[in-house]
Each structure stands twice: as structure tokens, then as C-alpha cells.
Amino acid sequence: WGPENYTIAYDGQLTAEVASISTESFDQAHNKIIEEMVT
């Protein structure tokens, strides 16, 4: 998705089920490997 665009991928994939478990939004993956894969 491009560097620093993890938040766009995250928001696009966010579901109601996941949101009910964790309401926190992520602009970084908090995992460098996942961050590199996505961006």
C-alpha cells in the first residue's frame, strides 16, 4: 500500500467483529515484519 499507509489498509479491512474486540486504531502495525508486508 506504500510506506506509512498501513492505516489505510487497516481501516479498509476493519470489521465490526474486530472493532467489538478492540476499539484501538493502528497507524502502525506494531510488528515490523507485518508493517513491511503491508506497506
Full PDB file with SEQRES, HELIX, SHEET, SSBOND, CRYST1, ORIGX, SCALE, CONECT and MASTER records, all heavy atoms in Angstrom:
SEQRES   1 A   39  TRP GLY PRO GLU ASN TYR THR ILE ALA TYR ASP GLY GLN          
SEQRES   2 A   39  LEU THR ALA GLU VAL ALA SER ILE SER THR GLU SER PHE          
SEQRES   3 A   39  ASP GLN ALA HIS ASN LYS ILE ILE GLU GLU MET VAL THR          
HELIX    1 AA1 TYR A    6  GLN A   13  1                                   8    
HELIX    2 AA2 ALA A   16  ILE A   21  1                                   6    
HELIX    3 AA3 LYS A   32  VAL A   38  1                                   7    
CRYST1    1.000    1.000    1.000  90.00  90.00  90.00 P 1           1          
ORIGX1      1.000000  0.000000  0.000000        0.00000                         
ORIGX2      0.000000  1.000000  0.000000        0.00000                         
ORIGX3      0.000000  0.000000  1.000000        0.00000                         
SCALE1      1.000000  0.000000  0.000000        0.00000                         
SCALE2      0.000000  1.000000  0.000000        0.00000                         
SCALE3      0.000000  0.000000  1.000000        0.00000                         
ATOM      1  N   TRP A   1       0.809  -1.211   0.000  1.00  0.00           N  
ATOM      2  CA  TRP A   1       0.000   0.000   0.000  1.00  0.00           C  
ATOM      3  C   TRP A   1       0.845   1.264   0.000  1.00  0.00           C  
ATOM      4  O   TRP A   1       0.315   2.372  -0.125  1.00  0.00           O  
ATOM      5  CB  TRP A   1      -0.914   0.010   1.222  1.00  0.00           C  
ATOM      6  CG  TRP A   1      -1.950  -1.075   1.213  1.00  0.00           C  
ATOM      7  CD1 TRP A   1      -1.736  -2.413   1.404  1.00  0.00           C  
ATOM      8  CD2 TRP A   1      -3.347  -0.928   0.991  1.00  0.00           C  
ATOM      9  NE1 TRP A   1      -2.912  -3.117   1.317  1.00  0.00           N  
ATOM     10  CE2 TRP A   1      -3.928  -2.221   1.067  1.00  0.00           C  
ATOM     11  CE3 TRP A   1      -4.184   0.156   0.750  1.00  0.00           C  
ATOM     12  CZ2 TRP A   1      -5.284  -2.444   0.906  1.00  0.00           C  
ATOM     13  CZ3 TRP A   1      -5.536  -0.057   0.586  1.00  0.00           C  
ATOM     14  CH2 TRP A   1      -6.081  -1.349   0.663  1.00  0.00           C  
ATOM     15  N   GLY A   2       2.133   1.119   0.168  1.00  0.00           N  
ATOM     16  CA  GLY A   2       3.034   2.263   0.248  1.00  0.00           C  
ATOM     17  C   GLY A   2       3.440   2.530   1.680  1.00  0.00           C  
ATOM     18  O   GLY A   2       2.634   2.368   2.605  1.00  0.00           O  
ATOM     19  N   PRO A   3       4.697   2.931   1.910  1.00  0.00           N  
ATOM     20  CA  PRO A   3       5.142   3.257   3.271  1.00  0.00           C  
ATOM     21  C   PRO A   3       4.224   4.270   3.942  1.00  0.00           C  
ATOM     22  O   PRO A   3       3.720   5.199   3.301  1.00  0.00           O  
ATOM     23  CB  PRO A   3       6.547   3.857   3.041  1.00  0.00           C  
ATOM     24  CG  PRO A   3       7.004   3.240   1.760  1.00  0.00           C  
ATOM     25  CD  PRO A   3       5.776   3.077   0.920  1.00  0.00           C  
ATOM     26  N   GLU A   4       3.980   4.057   5.224  1.00  0.00           N  
ATOM     27  CA  GLU A   4       3.149   4.938   6.054  1.00  0.00           C  
ATOM     28  C   GLU A   4       1.661   4.854   5.727  1.00  0.00           C  
ATOM     29  O   GLU A   4       0.871   5.630   6.252  1.00  0.00           O  
ATOM     30  CB  GLU A   4       3.620   6.399   5.953  1.00  0.00           C  
ATOM     31  CG  GLU A   4       5.042   6.617   6.422  1.00  0.00           C  
ATOM     32  CD  GLU A   4       5.250   6.224   7.874  1.00  0.00           C  
ATOM     33  OE1 GLU A   4       4.732   6.923   8.761  1.00  0.00           O  
ATOM     34  OE2 GLU A   4       5.918   5.212   8.120  1.00  0.00           O  
ATOM     35  N   ASN A   5       1.278   3.914   4.887  1.00  0.00           N  
ATOM     36  CA  ASN A   5      -0.138   3.769   4.520  1.00  0.00           C  
ATOM     37  C   ASN A   5      -0.795   2.572   5.197  1.00  0.00           C  
ATOM     38  O   ASN A   5      -1.867   2.129   4.768  1.00  0.00           O  
ATOM     39  CB  ASN A   5      -0.295   3.631   3.000  1.00  0.00           C  
ATOM     40  CG  ASN A   5      -0.018   4.929   2.278  1.00  0.00           C  
ATOM     41  OD1 ASN A   5      -0.218   6.010   2.825  1.00  0.00           O  
ATOM     42  ND2 ASN A   5       0.466   4.842   1.046  1.00  0.00           N  
ATOM     43  N   TYR A   6      -0.169   2.060   6.253  1.00  0.00           N  
ATOM     44  CA  TYR A   6      -0.766   0.936   6.959  1.00  0.00           C  
ATOM     45  C   TYR A   6      -2.157   1.280   7.473  1.00  0.00           C  
ATOM     46  O   TYR A   6      -3.070   0.448   7.431  1.00  0.00           O  
ATOM     47  CB  TYR A   6       0.118   0.505   8.136  1.00  0.00           C  
ATOM     48  CG  TYR A   6      -0.488  -0.610   8.954  1.00  0.00           C  
ATOM     49  CD1 TYR A   6      -0.332  -1.929   8.564  1.00  0.00           C  
ATOM     50  CD2 TYR A   6      -1.238  -0.328  10.093  1.00  0.00           C  
ATOM     51  CE1 TYR A   6      -0.916  -2.950   9.304  1.00  0.00           C  
ATOM     52  CE2 TYR A   6      -1.820  -1.337  10.828  1.00  0.00           C  
ATOM     53  CZ  TYR A   6      -1.658  -2.650  10.431  1.00  0.00           C  
ATOM     54  OH  TYR A   6      -2.250  -3.653  11.155  1.00  0.00           O  
ATOM     55  N   THR A   7      -2.340   2.508   7.939  1.00  0.00           N  
ATOM     56  CA  THR A   7      -3.632   2.913   8.493  1.00  0.00           C  
ATOM     57  C   THR A   7      -4.760   2.803   7.469  1.00  0.00           C  
ATOM     58  O   THR A   7      -5.891   2.475   7.821  1.00  0.00           O  
ATOM     59  CB  THR A   7      -3.555   4.356   9.053  1.00  0.00           C  
ATOM     60  OG1 THR A   7      -4.777   4.673   9.690  1.00  0.00           O  
ATOM     61  CG2 THR A   7      -3.264   5.370   7.949  1.00  0.00           C  
ATOM     62  N   ILE A   8      -4.451   3.047   6.193  1.00  0.00           N  
ATOM     63  CA  ILE A   8      -5.463   2.932   5.140  1.00  0.00           C  
ATOM     64  C   ILE A   8      -5.848   1.474   4.941  1.00  0.00           C  
ATOM     65  O   ILE A   8      -7.036   1.133   4.827  1.00  0.00           O  
ATOM     66  CB  ILE A   8      -4.944   3.549   3.831  1.00  0.00           C  
ATOM     67  CG1 ILE A   8      -4.636   5.028   4.044  1.00  0.00           C  
ATOM     68  CG2 ILE A   8      -5.961   3.371   2.703  1.00  0.00           C  
ATOM     69  CD1 ILE A   8      -3.998   5.702   2.838  1.00  0.00           C  
ATOM     70  N   ALA A   9      -4.846   0.594   4.922  1.00  0.00           N  
ATOM     71  CA  ALA A   9      -5.136  -0.835   4.796  1.00  0.00           C  
ATOM     72  C   ALA A   9      -5.908  -1.334   6.006  1.00  0.00           C  
ATOM     73  O   ALA A   9      -6.850  -2.128   5.874  1.00  0.00           O  
ATOM     74  CB  ALA A   9      -3.831  -1.611   4.632  1.00  0.00           C  
ATOM     75  N   TYR A  10      -5.532  -0.871   7.193  1.00  0.00           N  
ATOM     76  CA  TYR A  10      -6.188  -1.307   8.424  1.00  0.00           C  
ATOM     77  C   TYR A  10      -7.654  -0.889   8.430  1.00  0.00           C  
ATOM     78  O   TYR A  10      -8.546  -1.707   8.691  1.00  0.00           O  
ATOM     79  CB  TYR A  10      -5.458  -0.713   9.631  1.00  0.00           C  
ATOM     80  CG  TYR A  10      -6.024  -1.131  10.967  1.00  0.00           C  
ATOM     81  CD1 TYR A  10      -5.574  -2.291  11.594  1.00  0.00           C  
ATOM     82  CD2 TYR A  10      -6.998  -0.367  11.608  1.00  0.00           C  
ATOM     83  CE1 TYR A  10      -6.088  -2.677  12.823  1.00  0.00           C  
ATOM     84  CE2 TYR A  10      -7.518  -0.748  12.833  1.00  0.00           C  
ATOM     85  CZ  TYR A  10      -7.056  -1.906  13.430  1.00  0.00           C  
ATOM     86  OH  TYR A  10      -7.573  -2.292  14.641  1.00  0.00           O  
ATOM     87  N   ASP A  11      -7.909   0.382   8.146  1.00  0.00           N  
ATOM     88  CA  ASP A  11      -9.291   0.872   8.165  1.00  0.00           C  
ATOM     89  C   ASP A  11     -10.140   0.187   7.100  1.00  0.00           C  
ATOM     90  O   ASP A  11     -11.330  -0.076   7.320  1.00  0.00           O  
ATOM     91  CB  ASP A  11      -9.319   2.385   7.952  1.00  0.00           C  
ATOM     92  CG  ASP A  11      -8.722   3.137   9.134  1.00  0.00           C  
ATOM     93  OD1 ASP A  11      -8.580   2.529  10.208  1.00  0.00           O  
ATOM     94  OD2 ASP A  11      -8.364   4.310   8.962  1.00  0.00           O  
ATOM     95  N   GLY A  12      -9.535  -0.131   5.960  1.00  0.00           N  
ATOM     96  CA  GLY A  12     -10.287  -0.793   4.893  1.00  0.00           C  
ATOM     97  C   GLY A  12     -10.666  -2.216   5.230  1.00  0.00           C  
ATOM     98  O   GLY A  12     -11.661  -2.741   4.717  1.00  0.00           O  
ATOM     99  N   GLN A  13      -9.882  -2.886   6.096  1.00  0.00           N  
ATOM    100  CA  GLN A  13     -10.131  -4.282   6.451  1.00  0.00           C  
ATOM    101  C   GLN A  13     -10.855  -4.435   7.783  1.00  0.00           C  
ATOM    102  O   GLN A  13     -11.230  -5.539   8.161  1.00  0.00           O  
ATOM    103  CB  GLN A  13      -8.789  -5.040   6.523  1.00  0.00           C  
ATOM    104  CG  GLN A  13      -8.032  -5.126   5.218  1.00  0.00           C  
ATOM    105  CD  GLN A  13      -8.709  -6.047   4.226  1.00  0.00           C  
ATOM    106  OE1 GLN A  13      -9.426  -6.972   4.607  1.00  0.00           O  
ATOM    107  NE2 GLN A  13      -8.482  -5.805   2.935  1.00  0.00           N  
ATOM    108  N   LEU A  14     -11.044  -3.322   8.511  1.00  0.00           N  
ATOM    109  CA  LEU A  14     -11.647  -3.401   9.834  1.00  0.00           C  
ATOM    110  C   LEU A  14     -13.103  -3.847   9.754  1.00  0.00           C  
ATOM    111  O   LEU A  14     -13.890  -3.330   8.963  1.00  0.00           O  
ATOM    112  CB  LEU A  14     -11.572  -2.027  10.513  1.00  0.00           C  
ATOM    113  CG  LEU A  14     -11.980  -1.971  11.989  1.00  0.00           C  
ATOM    114  CD1 LEU A  14     -11.044  -2.806  12.838  1.00  0.00           C  
ATOM    115  CD2 LEU A  14     -11.984  -0.512  12.464  1.00  0.00           C  
ATOM    116  N   THR A  15     -13.441  -4.835  10.556  1.00  0.00           N  
ATOM    117  CA  THR A  15     -14.811  -5.347  10.587  1.00  0.00           C  
ATOM    118  C   THR A  15     -15.462  -5.027  11.929  1.00  0.00           C  
ATOM    119  O   THR A  15     -14.780  -4.699  12.908  1.00  0.00           O  
ATOM    120  CB  THR A  15     -14.822  -6.869  10.374  1.00  0.00           C  
ATOM    121  OG1 THR A  15     -14.143  -7.499  11.476  1.00  0.00           O  
ATOM    122  CG2 THR A  15     -14.135  -7.244   9.064  1.00  0.00           C  
ATOM    123  N   ALA A  16     -16.769  -5.149  11.987  1.00  0.00           N  
ATOM    124  CA  ALA A  16     -17.495  -4.889  13.227  1.00  0.00           C  
ATOM    125  C   ALA A  16     -17.069  -5.875  14.315  1.00  0.00           C  
ATOM    126  O   ALA A  16     -16.983  -5.524  15.502  1.00  0.00           O  
ATOM    127  CB  ALA A  16     -18.995  -4.983  12.984  1.00  0.00           C  
ATOM    128  N   GLU A  17     -16.782  -7.117  13.916  1.00  0.00           N  
ATOM    129  CA  GLU A  17     -16.367  -8.128  14.888  1.00  0.00           C  
ATOM    130  C   GLU A  17     -15.050  -7.750  15.545  1.00  0.00           C  
ATOM    131  O   GLU A  17     -14.891  -7.817  16.764  1.00  0.00           O  
ATOM    132  CB  GLU A  17     -16.220  -9.486  14.200  1.00  0.00           C  
ATOM    133  CG  GLU A  17     -15.750 -10.597  15.132  1.00  0.00           C  
ATOM    134  CD  GLU A  17     -15.512 -11.905  14.393  1.00  0.00           C  
ATOM    135  OE1 GLU A  17     -15.732 -11.942  13.165  1.00  0.00           O  
ATOM    136  OE2 GLU A  17     -15.097 -12.866  15.049  1.00  0.00           O  
ATOM    137  N   VAL A  18     -14.088  -7.307  14.716  1.00  0.00           N  
ATOM    138  CA  VAL A  18     -12.789  -6.909  15.256  1.00  0.00           C  
ATOM    139  C   VAL A  18     -12.932  -5.656  16.097  1.00  0.00           C  
ATOM    140  O   VAL A  18     -12.339  -5.536  17.174  1.00  0.00           O  
ATOM    141  CB  VAL A  18     -11.783  -6.690  14.108  1.00  0.00           C  
ATOM    142  CG1 VAL A  18     -10.484  -6.101  14.660  1.00  0.00           C  
ATOM    143  CG2 VAL A  18     -11.510  -7.990  13.385  1.00  0.00           C  
ATOM    144  N   ALA A  19     -13.729  -4.711  15.635  1.00  0.00           N  
ATOM    145  CA  ALA A  19     -13.922  -3.459  16.367  1.00  0.00           C  
ATOM    146  C   ALA A  19     -14.545  -3.699  17.736  1.00  0.00           C  
ATOM    147  O   ALA A  19     -14.283  -2.969  18.691  1.00  0.00           O  
ATOM    148  CB  ALA A  19     -14.787  -2.501  15.552  1.00  0.00           C  
ATOM    149  N   SER A  20     -15.381  -4.742  17.853  1.00  0.00           N  
ATOM    150  CA  SER A  20     -16.005  -5.043  19.142  1.00  0.00           C  
ATOM    151  C   SER A  20     -15.005  -5.621  20.133  1.00  0.00           C  
ATOM    152  O   SER A  20     -15.187  -5.531  21.341  1.00  0.00           O  
ATOM    153  CB  SER A  20     -17.156  -6.038  18.950  1.00  0.00           C  
ATOM    154  OG  SER A  20     -16.665  -7.302  18.495  1.00  0.00           O  
ATOM    155  N   ILE A  21     -13.925  -6.227  19.604  1.00  0.00           N  
ATOM    156  CA  ILE A  21     -12.885  -6.802  20.468  1.00  0.00           C  
ATOM    157  C   ILE A  21     -11.885  -5.734  20.889  1.00  0.00           C  
ATOM    158  O   ILE A  21     -11.471  -5.653  22.043  1.00  0.00           O  
ATOM    159  CB  ILE A  21     -12.160  -7.958  19.738  1.00  0.00           C  
ATOM    160  CG1 ILE A  21     -13.155  -9.072  19.414  1.00  0.00           C  
ATOM    161  CG2 ILE A  21     -11.012  -8.497  20.587  1.00  0.00           C  
ATOM    162  CD1 ILE A  21     -12.562 -10.182  18.578  1.00  0.00           C  
ATOM    163  N   SER A  22     -11.489  -4.903  19.929  1.00  0.00           N  
ATOM    164  CA  SER A  22     -10.512  -3.856  20.203  1.00  0.00           C  
ATOM    165  C   SER A  22     -10.909  -2.596  19.468  1.00  0.00           C  
ATOM    166  O   SER A  22     -11.042  -2.605  18.236  1.00  0.00           O  
ATOM    167  CB  SER A  22      -9.105  -4.307  19.759  1.00  0.00           C  
ATOM    168  OG  SER A  22      -8.177  -3.265  19.917  1.00  0.00           O  
ATOM    169  N   THR A  23     -11.129  -1.531  20.215  1.00  0.00           N  
ATOM    170  CA  THR A  23     -11.548  -0.267  19.606  1.00  0.00           C  
ATOM    171  C   THR A  23     -10.353   0.601  19.214  1.00  0.00           C  
ATOM    172  O   THR A  23     -10.533   1.673  18.647  1.00  0.00           O  
ATOM    173  CB  THR A  23     -12.430   0.527  20.599  1.00  0.00           C  
ATOM    174  OG1 THR A  23     -11.686   0.755  21.799  1.00  0.00           O  
ATOM    175  CG2 THR A  23     -13.700  -0.253  20.920  1.00  0.00           C  
ATOM    176  N   GLU A  24      -9.150   0.131  19.501  1.00  0.00           N  
ATOM    177  CA  GLU A  24      -7.961   0.911  19.201  1.00  0.00           C  
ATOM    178  C   GLU A  24      -7.672   0.906  17.706  1.00  0.00           C  
ATOM    179  O   GLU A  24      -7.751  -0.127  17.043  1.00  0.00           O  
ATOM    180  CB  GLU A  24      -6.754   0.333  19.959  1.00  0.00           C  
ATOM    181  CG  GLU A  24      -5.497   1.170  19.828  1.00  0.00           C  
ATOM    182  CD  GLU A  24      -4.358   0.603  20.650  1.00  0.00           C  
ATOM    183  OE1 GLU A  24      -4.551  -0.464  21.263  1.00  0.00           O  
ATOM    184  OE2 GLU A  24      -3.295   1.230  20.690  1.00  0.00           O  
ATOM    185  N   SER A  25      -7.341   2.076  17.158  1.00  0.00           N  
ATOM    186  CA  SER A  25      -6.965   2.187  15.760  1.00  0.00           C  
ATOM    187  C   SER A  25      -5.450   2.175  15.643  1.00  0.00           C  
ATOM    188  O   SER A  25      -4.742   2.665  16.531  1.00  0.00           O  
ATOM    189  CB  SER A  25      -7.528   3.478  15.162  1.00  0.00           C  
ATOM    190  OG  SER A  25      -7.152   3.588  13.804  1.00  0.00           O  
ATOM    191  N   PHE A  26      -4.936   1.617  14.569  1.00  0.00           N  
ATOM    192  CA  PHE A  26      -3.495   1.479  14.396  1.00  0.00           C  
ATOM    193  C   PHE A  26      -3.057   2.180  13.118  1.00  0.00           C  
ATOM    194  O   PHE A  26      -3.554   1.872  12.036  1.00  0.00           O  
ATOM    195  CB  PHE A  26      -3.104  -0.005  14.313  1.00  0.00           C  
ATOM    196  CG  PHE A  26      -3.188  -0.740  15.624  1.00  0.00           C  
ATOM    197  CD1 PHE A  26      -4.386  -1.311  16.041  1.00  0.00           C  
ATOM    198  CD2 PHE A  26      -2.081  -0.861  16.440  1.00  0.00           C  
ATOM    199  CE1 PHE A  26      -4.470  -1.988  17.238  1.00  0.00           C  
ATOM    200  CE2 PHE A  26      -2.155  -1.538  17.646  1.00  0.00           C  
ATOM    201  CZ  PHE A  26      -3.351  -2.106  18.050  1.00  0.00           C  
ATOM    202  N   ASP A  27      -2.114   3.117  13.254  1.00  0.00           N  
ATOM    203  CA  ASP A  27      -1.491   3.690  12.059  1.00  0.00           C  
ATOM    204  C   ASP A  27      -0.154   3.018  11.777  1.00  0.00           C  
ATOM    205  O   ASP A  27       0.470   3.246  10.749  1.00  0.00           O  
ATOM    206  CB  ASP A  27      -1.306   5.200  12.202  1.00  0.00           C  
ATOM    207  CG  ASP A  27      -0.254   5.557  13.245  1.00  0.00           C  
ATOM    208  OD1 ASP A  27      -0.038   4.745  14.163  1.00  0.00           O  
ATOM    209  OD2 ASP A  27       0.341   6.649  13.129  1.00  0.00           O  
ATOM    210  N   GLN A  28       0.299   2.171  12.718  1.00  0.00           N  
ATOM    211  CA  GLN A  28       1.473   1.318  12.536  1.00  0.00           C  
ATOM    212  C   GLN A  28       1.089  -0.083  12.989  1.00  0.00           C  
ATOM    213  O   GLN A  28       0.248  -0.251  13.873  1.00  0.00           O  
ATOM    214  CB  GLN A  28       2.650   1.827  13.365  1.00  0.00           C  
ATOM    215  CG  GLN A  28       3.085   3.247  13.045  1.00  0.00           C  
ATOM    216  CD  GLN A  28       3.957   3.332  11.808  1.00  0.00           C  
ATOM    217  OE1 GLN A  28       4.558   2.352  11.385  1.00  0.00           O  
ATOM    218  NE2 GLN A  28       4.031   4.519  11.212  1.00  0.00           N  
ATOM    219  N   ALA A  29       1.729  -1.077  12.414  1.00  0.00           N  
ATOM    220  CA  ALA A  29       1.335  -2.461  12.701  1.00  0.00           C  
ATOM    221  C   ALA A  29       1.786  -2.951  14.072  1.00  0.00           C  
ATOM    222  O   ALA A  29       1.314  -3.985  14.536  1.00  0.00           O  
ATOM    223  CB  ALA A  29       1.896  -3.386  11.625  1.00  0.00           C  
ATOM    224  N   HIS A  30       2.705  -2.239  14.734  1.00  0.00           N  
ATOM    225  CA  HIS A  30       3.296  -2.723  15.985  1.00  0.00           C  
ATOM    226  C   HIS A  30       3.948  -4.090  15.788  1.00  0.00           C  
ATOM    227  O   HIS A  30       4.027  -4.905  16.705  1.00  0.00           O  
ATOM    228  CB  HIS A  30       2.252  -2.786  17.107  1.00  0.00           C  
ATOM    229  CG  HIS A  30       1.816  -1.439  17.577  1.00  0.00           C  
ATOM    230  ND1 HIS A  30       1.001  -0.618  16.839  1.00  0.00           N  
ATOM    231  CD2 HIS A  30       2.086  -0.751  18.722  1.00  0.00           C  
ATOM    232  CE1 HIS A  30       0.781   0.499  17.503  1.00  0.00           C  
ATOM    233  NE2 HIS A  30       1.433   0.453  18.642  1.00  0.00           N  
ATOM    234  N   ASN A  31       4.390  -4.327  14.584  1.00  0.00           N  
ATOM    235  CA  ASN A  31       5.167  -5.521  14.234  1.00  0.00           C  
ATOM    236  C   ASN A  31       5.873  -5.185  12.931  1.00  0.00           C  
ATOM    237  O   ASN A  31       5.229  -4.996  11.904  1.00  0.00           O  
ATOM    238  CB  ASN A  31       4.265  -6.742  14.072  1.00  0.00           C  
ATOM    239  CG  ASN A  31       5.038  -8.005  13.711  1.00  0.00           C  
ATOM    240  OD1 ASN A  31       5.756  -8.049  12.718  1.00  0.00           O  
ATOM    241  ND2 ASN A  31       4.884  -9.037  14.516  1.00  0.00           N  
ATOM    242  N   LYS A  32       7.189  -5.088  12.977  1.00  0.00           N  
ATOM    243  CA  LYS A  32       7.943  -4.593  11.823  1.00  0.00           C  
ATOM    244  C   LYS A  32       7.746  -5.463  10.586  1.00  0.00           C  
ATOM    245  O   LYS A  32       7.668  -4.942   9.466  1.00  0.00           O  
ATOM    246  CB  LYS A  32       9.429  -4.513  12.196  1.00  0.00           C  
ATOM    247  CG  LYS A  32      10.300  -3.882  11.124  1.00  0.00           C  
ATOM    248  CD  LYS A  32       9.953  -2.443  10.867  1.00  0.00           C  
ATOM    249  CE  LYS A  32      10.928  -1.815   9.879  1.00  0.00           C  
ATOM    250  NZ  LYS A  32      10.579  -0.410   9.568  1.00  0.00           N  
ATOM    251  N   ILE A  33       7.671  -6.773  10.761  1.00  0.00           N  
ATOM    252  CA  ILE A  33       7.509  -7.656   9.614  1.00  0.00           C  
ATOM    253  C   ILE A  33       6.146  -7.437   8.954  1.00  0.00           C  
ATOM    254  O   ILE A  33       6.048  -7.311   7.723  1.00  0.00           O  
ATOM    255  CB  ILE A  33       7.658  -9.138  10.029  1.00  0.00           C  
ATOM    256  CG1 ILE A  33       9.017  -9.358  10.701  1.00  0.00           C  
ATOM    257  CG2 ILE A  33       7.509 -10.046   8.824  1.00  0.00           C  
ATOM    258  CD1 ILE A  33      10.193  -9.010   9.851  1.00  0.00           C  
ATOM    259  N   ILE A  34       5.093  -7.371   9.769  1.00  0.00           N  
ATOM    260  CA  ILE A  34       3.761  -7.099   9.222  1.00  0.00           C  
ATOM    261  C   ILE A  34       3.727  -5.728   8.556  1.00  0.00           C  
ATOM    262  O   ILE A  34       3.143  -5.554   7.470  1.00  0.00           O  
ATOM    263  CB  ILE A  34       2.696  -7.182  10.330  1.00  0.00           C  
ATOM    264  CG1 ILE A  34       2.638  -8.593  10.917  1.00  0.00           C  
ATOM    265  CG2 ILE A  34       1.325  -6.777   9.795  1.00  0.00           C  
ATOM    266  CD1 ILE A  34       2.194  -9.651   9.929  1.00  0.00           C  
ATOM    267  N   GLU A  35       4.357  -4.749   9.185  1.00  0.00           N  
ATOM    268  CA  GLU A  35       4.419  -3.396   8.618  1.00  0.00           C  
ATOM    269  C   GLU A  35       5.053  -3.415   7.224  1.00  0.00           C  
ATOM    270  O   GLU A  35       4.545  -2.797   6.276  1.00  0.00           O  
ATOM    271  CB  GLU A  35       5.223  -2.486   9.546  1.00  0.00           C  
ATOM    272  CG  GLU A  35       5.375  -1.067   9.072  1.00  0.00           C  
ATOM    273  CD  GLU A  35       4.152  -0.214   9.333  1.00  0.00           C  
ATOM    274  OE1 GLU A  35       3.343  -0.577  10.201  1.00  0.00           O  
ATOM    275  OE2 GLU A  35       4.016   0.811   8.646  1.00  0.00           O  
ATOM    276  N   GLU A  36       6.158  -4.129   7.093  1.00  0.00           N  
ATOM    277  CA  GLU A  36       6.833  -4.204   5.789  1.00  0.00           C  
ATOM    278  C   GLU A  36       5.979  -4.935   4.765  1.00  0.00           C  
ATOM    279  O   GLU A  36       5.916  -4.543   3.595  1.00  0.00           O  
ATOM    280  CB  GLU A  36       8.187  -4.904   5.941  1.00  0.00           C  
ATOM    281  CG  GLU A  36       9.185  -4.154   6.806  1.00  0.00           C  
ATOM    282  CD  GLU A  36       9.525  -2.783   6.254  1.00  0.00           C  
ATOM    283  OE1 GLU A  36       9.839  -2.674   5.053  1.00  0.00           O  
ATOM    284  OE2 GLU A  36       9.469  -1.811   7.020  1.00  0.00           O  
ATOM    285  N   MET A  37       5.320  -6.005   5.176  1.00  0.00           N  
ATOM    286  CA  MET A  37       4.461  -6.761   4.256  1.00  0.00           C  
ATOM    287  C   MET A  37       3.337  -5.894   3.714  1.00  0.00           C  
ATOM    288  O   MET A  37       3.066  -5.875   2.513  1.00  0.00           O  
ATOM    289  CB  MET A  37       3.874  -7.977   4.976  1.00  0.00           C  
ATOM    290  CG  MET A  37       4.856  -9.090   5.262  1.00  0.00           C  
ATOM    291  SD  MET A  37       4.104 -10.416   6.255  1.00  0.00           S  
ATOM    292  CE  MET A  37       2.733 -10.891   5.200  1.00  0.00           C  
ATOM    293  N   VAL A  38       2.677  -5.158   4.611  1.00  0.00           N  
ATOM    294  CA  VAL A  38       1.511  -4.376   4.213  1.00  0.00           C  
ATOM    295  C   VAL A  38       1.919  -3.169   3.387  1.00  0.00           C  
ATOM    296  O   VAL A  38       1.306  -2.871   2.361  1.00  0.00           O  
ATOM    297  CB  VAL A  38       0.710  -3.935   5.454  1.00  0.00           C  
ATOM    298  CG1 VAL A  38      -0.448  -3.027   5.050  1.00  0.00           C  
ATOM    299  CG2 VAL A  38       0.193  -5.149   6.205  1.00  0.00           C  
ATOM    300  N   THR A  39       2.928  -2.469   3.817  1.00  0.00           N  
ATOM    301  CA  THR A  39       3.266  -1.196   3.175  1.00  0.00           C  
ATOM    302  C   THR A  39       4.197  -1.329   1.971  1.00  0.00           C  
ATOM    303  O   THR A  39       4.169  -0.480   1.083  1.00  0.00           O  
ATOM    304  CB  THR A  39       3.904  -0.240   4.190  1.00  0.00           C  
ATOM    305  OG1 THR A  39       5.109  -0.827   4.711  1.00  0.00           O  
ATOM    306  CG2 THR A  39       2.936   0.040   5.341  1.00  0.00           C  
TER     307      THR A  39                                                      
MASTER        0    0    0    3    0    0    0    6  306    1    0    3          
END                                                                             
